[in-house]
N, C-alpha and C. Protein backbone atom coordinates (compact mmCIF):
# COMPACT_ATOMS: atom_id res chain seq x y z
N UNK A 1 0.97 -1.60 0.07
CA UNK A 1 0.05 0.00 -0.07
C UNK A 1 0.61 1.17 0.29
N UNK A 2 0.57 1.90 -0.92
CA UNK A 2 1.44 3.43 -0.93
C UNK A 2 0.59 4.62 -0.37
N UNK A 3 0.77 5.48 0.88
CA UNK A 3 -0.42 6.59 1.06
C UNK A 3 0.23 7.74 1.30
N UNK A 4 1.74 8.29 0.77
CA UNK A 4 2.53 9.24 1.02
C UNK A 4 1.49 10.19 -0.25
N UNK A 5 1.27 9.49 -1.14
CA UNK A 5 0.99 10.43 -2.70
C UNK A 5 1.92 10.76 -3.64
N UNK A 6 2.89 11.20 -3.19
CA UNK A 6 4.22 11.51 -4.37
C UNK A 6 4.68 10.31 -5.40
N UNK A 7 4.65 11.01 -6.66
CA UNK A 7 5.18 10.15 -7.42
C UNK A 7 6.26 9.16 -7.57
N UNK A 8 7.29 9.80 -6.65
CA UNK A 8 8.87 8.47 -5.76
C UNK A 8 8.60 8.01 -5.31
N UNK A 9 7.14 8.00 -4.35
CA UNK A 9 6.33 6.85 -3.85
C UNK A 9 5.75 5.68 -4.42
N UNK A 10 4.99 6.66 -5.69
CA UNK A 10 4.59 5.16 -6.57
C UNK A 10 5.42 4.74 -7.09
N UNK A 11 6.20 5.50 -8.02
CA UNK A 11 6.94 4.46 -8.42
C UNK A 11 8.01 3.70 -7.33
N UNK A 12 8.02 3.70 -5.74
CA UNK A 12 9.22 3.44 -5.06
C UNK A 12 8.01 1.91 -5.23
N UNK A 13 7.14 2.06 -4.97
CA UNK A 13 6.38 0.43 -4.14
C UNK A 13 6.09 -0.30 -5.33
N UNK A 14 5.58 0.33 -6.78
CA UNK A 14 5.56 -0.34 -8.25
C UNK A 14 7.39 -1.68 -7.96
N UNK A 15 8.34 -0.97 -7.91
CA UNK A 15 8.86 -1.44 -8.03
C UNK A 15 9.83 -2.55 -6.89
N UNK A 16 9.63 -2.26 -5.70
CA UNK A 16 9.00 -3.08 -4.46
C UNK A 16 8.09 -4.57 -4.49
N UNK A 17 7.43 -3.99 -5.55
CA UNK A 17 6.40 -5.39 -6.04
C UNK A 17 7.03 -6.08 -6.01
N UNK A 18 6.14 -7.30 -5.55
CA UNK A 18 6.99 -9.10 -5.92
C UNK A 18 5.90 -9.20 -7.29
N UNK A 19 6.43 -10.06 -8.31
CA UNK A 19 5.47 -10.79 -9.30
C UNK A 19 4.39 -11.30 -9.01
N UNK A 20 3.34 -10.56 -9.83
CA UNK A 20 1.40 -11.32 -9.77
C UNK A 20 1.40 -10.47 -8.05
N UNK A 21 1.66 -9.71 -7.68
CA UNK A 21 1.70 -8.58 -6.61
C UNK A 21 0.56 -7.84 -6.67
N UNK A 22 0.37 -7.07 -5.70
CA UNK A 22 -0.36 -6.16 -5.93
C UNK A 22 0.05 -4.63 -5.62
N UNK A 23 -0.20 -3.71 -5.43
CA UNK A 23 -0.22 -2.74 -4.84
C UNK A 23 -0.78 -1.55 -5.26
N UNK A 24 -1.75 -0.90 -3.84
CA UNK A 24 -2.97 -0.39 -3.43
C UNK A 24 -2.08 1.44 -3.08
N UNK A 25 -2.80 1.79 -4.26
CA UNK A 25 -2.84 3.35 -3.68
C UNK A 25 -4.01 4.13 -3.49
N UNK A 26 -3.16 4.64 -2.12
CA UNK A 26 -3.94 5.54 -0.90
C UNK A 26 -3.57 7.32 -0.99
N UNK A 27 -2.44 7.31 -1.87
CA UNK A 27 -2.05 8.45 -1.33
C UNK A 27 -2.95 9.40 -2.59
N UNK A 28 -2.64 10.98 -2.81
CA UNK A 28 -2.94 11.60 -3.52
C UNK A 28 -2.00 12.59 -3.96
N UNK A 29 -1.94 13.14 -4.74
CA UNK A 29 -1.18 14.06 -5.15
C UNK A 29 -0.90 15.16 -6.02
N UNK A 30 -1.21 16.20 -6.26
CA UNK A 30 -1.09 16.64 -7.64
C UNK A 30 -0.56 16.12 -8.64
N UNK A 31 0.78 16.09 -8.85
CA UNK A 31 1.79 15.49 -9.40
C UNK A 31 1.66 14.27 -10.42
N UNK A 32 1.49 14.32 -11.44
CA UNK A 32 1.30 12.78 -11.95
C UNK A 32 2.36 12.09 -11.76
N UNK A 33 2.30 10.82 -11.39
CA UNK A 33 2.71 9.84 -11.42
C UNK A 33 3.51 8.62 -12.95
N UNK A 34 4.64 8.34 -12.62
CA UNK A 34 4.87 7.57 -14.08
C UNK A 34 5.48 6.37 -13.49
N UNK A 35 5.39 5.30 -14.13
CA UNK A 35 5.52 3.52 -14.00
C UNK A 35 5.78 3.01 -15.03
N UNK A 36 6.94 1.94 -14.75
CA UNK A 36 7.36 1.53 -16.53
C UNK A 36 6.85 0.11 -16.29
N UNK A 37 5.44 0.63 -17.59
CA UNK A 37 4.45 0.03 -18.14
C UNK A 37 5.06 -1.81 -18.30
N UNK A 38 6.33 -1.67 -18.82
CA UNK A 38 7.05 -3.30 -19.08
C UNK A 38 7.06 -4.10 -17.71
N UNK A 39 7.47 -3.11 -16.36
CA UNK A 39 7.84 -3.81 -15.54
C UNK A 39 6.15 -4.59 -14.59
N UNK A 40 4.96 -3.61 -15.46
CA UNK A 40 3.73 -3.67 -14.63
C UNK A 40 3.57 -4.98 -15.34
N UNK A 41 3.28 -5.24 -16.67
CA UNK A 41 3.11 -6.14 -17.53
C UNK A 41 3.08 -7.38 -17.65
N UNK A 42 4.86 -7.64 -17.56
CA UNK A 42 5.74 -8.56 -17.70
C UNK A 42 5.29 -9.13 -16.00
N UNK A 43 5.37 -8.42 -15.10
CA UNK A 43 5.30 -8.36 -13.74
C UNK A 43 4.21 -9.08 -12.98
N UNK A 44 3.44 -9.13 -13.94
CA UNK A 44 1.52 -8.96 -13.54
C UNK A 44 1.47 -8.87 -12.27
N UNK A 45 1.68 -7.39 -12.58
CA UNK A 45 1.04 -6.67 -11.58
C UNK A 45 -0.07 -5.83 -11.17
N UNK A 46 -0.70 -5.76 -10.13
CA UNK A 46 -2.14 -5.32 -10.46
C UNK A 46 -1.36 -3.67 -9.59
N UNK A 47 -2.21 -2.60 -10.22
CA UNK A 47 -2.56 -1.06 -9.33
C UNK A 47 -4.00 -1.06 -8.68
N UNK A 48 -4.06 -0.94 -8.00
CA UNK A 48 -5.92 -0.62 -7.17
C UNK A 48 -5.69 0.53 -7.12
N UNK A 49 -6.29 1.52 -6.69
CA UNK A 49 -6.66 2.82 -6.23
C UNK A 49 -7.78 2.64 -5.17
N UNK A 50 -7.76 3.39 -4.30
CA UNK A 50 -8.63 3.47 -3.08
C UNK A 50 -8.75 5.30 -2.01
N UNK A 51 -9.90 4.94 -2.23
CA UNK A 51 -10.19 6.29 -1.21
C UNK A 51 -10.66 5.68 0.08
N UNK A 52 -10.31 6.09 1.38
CA UNK A 52 -10.14 4.70 2.24
C UNK A 52 -10.78 5.49 3.18
N UNK A 53 -11.84 6.25 2.84
CA UNK A 53 -12.05 7.31 4.10
C UNK A 53 -13.28 7.83 3.82
N UNK A 54 -14.32 8.07 4.32
CA UNK A 54 -14.85 9.17 4.05
C UNK A 54 -15.65 10.50 3.90
N UNK A 55 -15.61 10.84 3.26
CA UNK A 55 -15.57 12.47 2.66
C UNK A 55 -15.70 12.73 3.90
N UNK A 56 -17.77 13.43 4.28
CA UNK A 56 -18.30 13.99 5.12
C UNK A 56 -17.46 13.51 6.34
N UNK A 57 -17.15 12.81 6.94
CA UNK A 57 -16.57 12.52 8.40
C UNK A 57 -15.09 12.62 7.94
N UNK A 58 -14.41 11.76 7.42
CA UNK A 58 -13.28 12.04 8.29
C UNK A 58 -12.42 13.61 7.70
N UNK A 59 -13.17 14.40 6.42
CA UNK A 59 -12.46 15.63 5.91
C UNK A 59 -12.94 16.85 6.80
N UNK A 60 -14.07 16.54 7.30
CA UNK A 60 -14.34 17.57 8.94
C UNK A 60 -13.81 17.92 9.41
N UNK A 61 -13.52 16.33 10.40
CA UNK A 61 -12.73 16.49 11.36
C UNK A 61 -10.99 16.34 11.06
N UNK A 62 -10.79 16.71 10.27
CA UNK A 62 -9.55 16.79 9.76
C UNK A 62 -9.15 18.34 9.99
N UNK A 63 -10.26 19.27 8.96
CA UNK A 63 -10.21 20.72 8.75
C UNK A 63 -10.93 20.94 10.17
N UNK A 64 -11.17 20.49 11.24
CA UNK A 64 -11.47 21.74 12.75
C UNK A 64 -10.18 20.86 13.36
N UNK A 65 -9.16 19.99 13.22
CA UNK A 65 -8.05 19.46 14.10
C UNK A 65 -7.13 21.28 13.52
N UNK A 66 -7.14 20.87 12.45
CA UNK A 66 -6.21 21.93 11.63
C UNK A 66 -6.83 23.03 12.11
N UNK A 67 -7.42 24.04 12.13
CA UNK A 67 -8.61 24.53 13.23
C UNK A 67 -8.26 25.02 13.78
N UNK A 68 -8.24 24.23 14.51
CA UNK A 68 -8.29 24.36 16.28
C UNK A 68 -6.62 23.73 16.23
N UNK A 69 -5.33 23.76 15.02
CA UNK A 69 -4.11 24.02 15.45
C UNK A 69 -3.32 22.49 16.11
N UNK A 70 -4.19 21.63 16.36
CA UNK A 70 -3.65 20.36 17.24
C UNK A 70 -3.33 19.82 16.22
N UNK A 71 -2.96 20.29 15.00
CA UNK A 71 -1.88 19.06 14.07
C UNK A 71 -0.99 20.79 13.64
N UNK A 72 0.11 19.64 13.51
CA UNK A 72 1.30 20.76 13.16
C UNK A 72 1.18 20.74 11.59
N UNK A 73 0.65 22.01 10.57
CA UNK A 73 1.23 21.83 9.50
C UNK A 73 2.39 21.98 8.89
N UNK A 74 3.92 22.83 9.33
CA UNK A 74 5.06 22.71 9.47
C UNK A 74 5.47 21.46 9.42
N UNK A 75 5.19 20.71 10.66
CA UNK A 75 6.33 19.95 10.73
C UNK A 75 4.82 18.19 11.11
N UNK A 76 3.82 17.50 11.05
CA UNK A 76 3.23 16.85 11.57
C UNK A 76 3.86 15.77 12.82
N UNK A 77 3.46 15.32 13.86
CA UNK A 77 3.95 14.59 14.53
C UNK A 77 4.05 13.00 13.54
N UNK A 78 5.23 12.74 13.92
CA UNK A 78 5.47 11.21 12.80
C UNK A 78 6.44 10.36 13.67
N UNK A 79 6.60 9.21 13.22
CA UNK A 79 7.56 8.22 13.99
C UNK A 79 7.99 6.94 12.76
N UNK A 80 9.22 6.26 13.41
CA UNK A 80 10.09 5.64 12.32
C UNK A 80 9.42 4.00 13.21
N UNK A 81 8.99 2.92 13.40
CA UNK A 81 9.07 2.18 13.46
C UNK A 81 9.81 0.88 12.22
N UNK A 82 10.22 -0.20 12.30
CA UNK A 82 10.62 -1.25 12.14
C UNK A 82 10.26 -1.96 11.48
N UNK A 83 9.78 -3.21 10.31
CA UNK A 83 9.45 -3.20 10.02
C UNK A 83 8.54 -4.41 10.73
N UNK A 84 9.07 -4.95 11.35
CA UNK A 84 9.11 -6.00 12.67
C UNK A 84 7.61 -6.54 13.25
N UNK A 85 8.24 -4.25 13.57
CA UNK A 85 7.27 -3.95 14.68
C UNK A 85 5.92 -2.41 14.01
N UNK A 86 5.99 -3.02 13.12
CA UNK A 86 4.98 -2.67 12.52
C UNK A 86 4.04 -2.73 13.37
N UNK A 87 2.95 -3.37 13.51
CA UNK A 87 1.52 -3.71 13.68
C UNK A 87 1.88 -3.41 15.40
N UNK A 88 3.01 -4.02 16.07
CA UNK A 88 2.43 -3.74 17.43
C UNK A 88 2.79 -2.54 18.17
N UNK A 89 3.92 -1.55 17.50
CA UNK A 89 4.09 -0.56 17.73
C UNK A 89 3.90 0.66 16.86
N UNK A 90 2.10 0.73 15.98
CA UNK A 90 1.88 1.73 15.29
C UNK A 90 0.91 1.48 14.53
N UNK A 91 0.50 0.41 13.68
CA UNK A 91 -0.76 -0.18 12.93
C UNK A 91 -1.73 -1.00 14.18
N UNK A 92 -1.08 -1.71 15.13
CA UNK A 92 -3.37 -1.90 15.95
C UNK A 92 -3.35 -1.15 16.31
N UNK A 93 -2.47 -0.29 17.09
CA UNK A 93 -3.46 0.68 18.31
C UNK A 93 -2.40 1.95 18.65
N UNK A 94 -2.26 2.46 17.18
CA UNK A 94 -1.54 4.10 17.10
C UNK A 94 -1.63 5.43 18.23
N UNK A 95 -1.29 5.65 18.57
CA UNK A 95 -0.94 6.49 19.79
C UNK A 95 -1.68 7.97 19.01
N UNK A 96 -2.74 8.49 19.82
CA UNK A 96 -2.54 9.95 19.27
C UNK A 96 -2.19 11.40 18.84
N UNK A 97 -1.46 11.58 19.78
CA UNK A 97 -0.03 12.36 19.30
C UNK A 97 0.44 12.15 17.96
N UNK A 98 0.55 10.57 17.13
CA UNK A 98 1.15 10.55 16.23
C UNK A 98 -0.17 10.81 14.95
N UNK A 99 0.43 10.91 13.41
CA UNK A 99 -0.63 11.20 12.78
C UNK A 99 0.15 10.53 11.92
N UNK A 100 1.88 10.18 11.50
CA UNK A 100 1.93 9.39 10.74
C UNK A 100 2.74 8.36 11.13
N UNK A 101 2.77 7.30 10.76
CA UNK A 101 3.60 5.86 10.91
C UNK A 101 4.90 5.60 9.89
N UNK A 102 6.44 6.08 9.59
CA UNK A 102 6.47 5.38 8.91
C UNK A 102 7.08 4.55 9.39
N UNK A 103 6.64 3.43 8.22
CA UNK A 103 7.55 1.42 8.42
C UNK A 103 9.22 1.82 7.69
N UNK A 104 10.00 1.04 8.38
CA UNK A 104 11.50 1.50 7.96
C UNK A 104 11.63 -0.02 7.43
N UNK A 105 11.36 -0.39 5.96
CA UNK A 105 11.40 -1.84 5.26
C UNK A 105 13.57 -2.22 5.11
N UNK A 106 13.96 -1.36 5.11
CA UNK A 106 15.33 -2.15 5.25
C UNK A 106 16.15 -1.88 6.52
N UNK A 107 15.89 -1.15 7.34
CA UNK A 107 17.40 -1.84 8.97
C UNK A 107 16.33 -2.96 9.63
């Protein structure tokens, strides 16, 4: 799943996807993304888009948090966790003060 949105993140997700795998695009960005169609076709990869939120509920709540100053837009609170701890330290029960958990798949 790619949820950041920038073109480089989309390209990275596709290059890391295994043969026959799927990439789900959740992030949005005004910049267009390009990707190697040959790799997608010969690798039998699937690219799926998904709006994983409810506009009426989630957008209203997000705007209220921004308007109230509860979320810093200059540097939102993030944390990085290793892949081995992605579920236990971030995705299963995310802390309320963290708005983005980055999963480090390299270390």
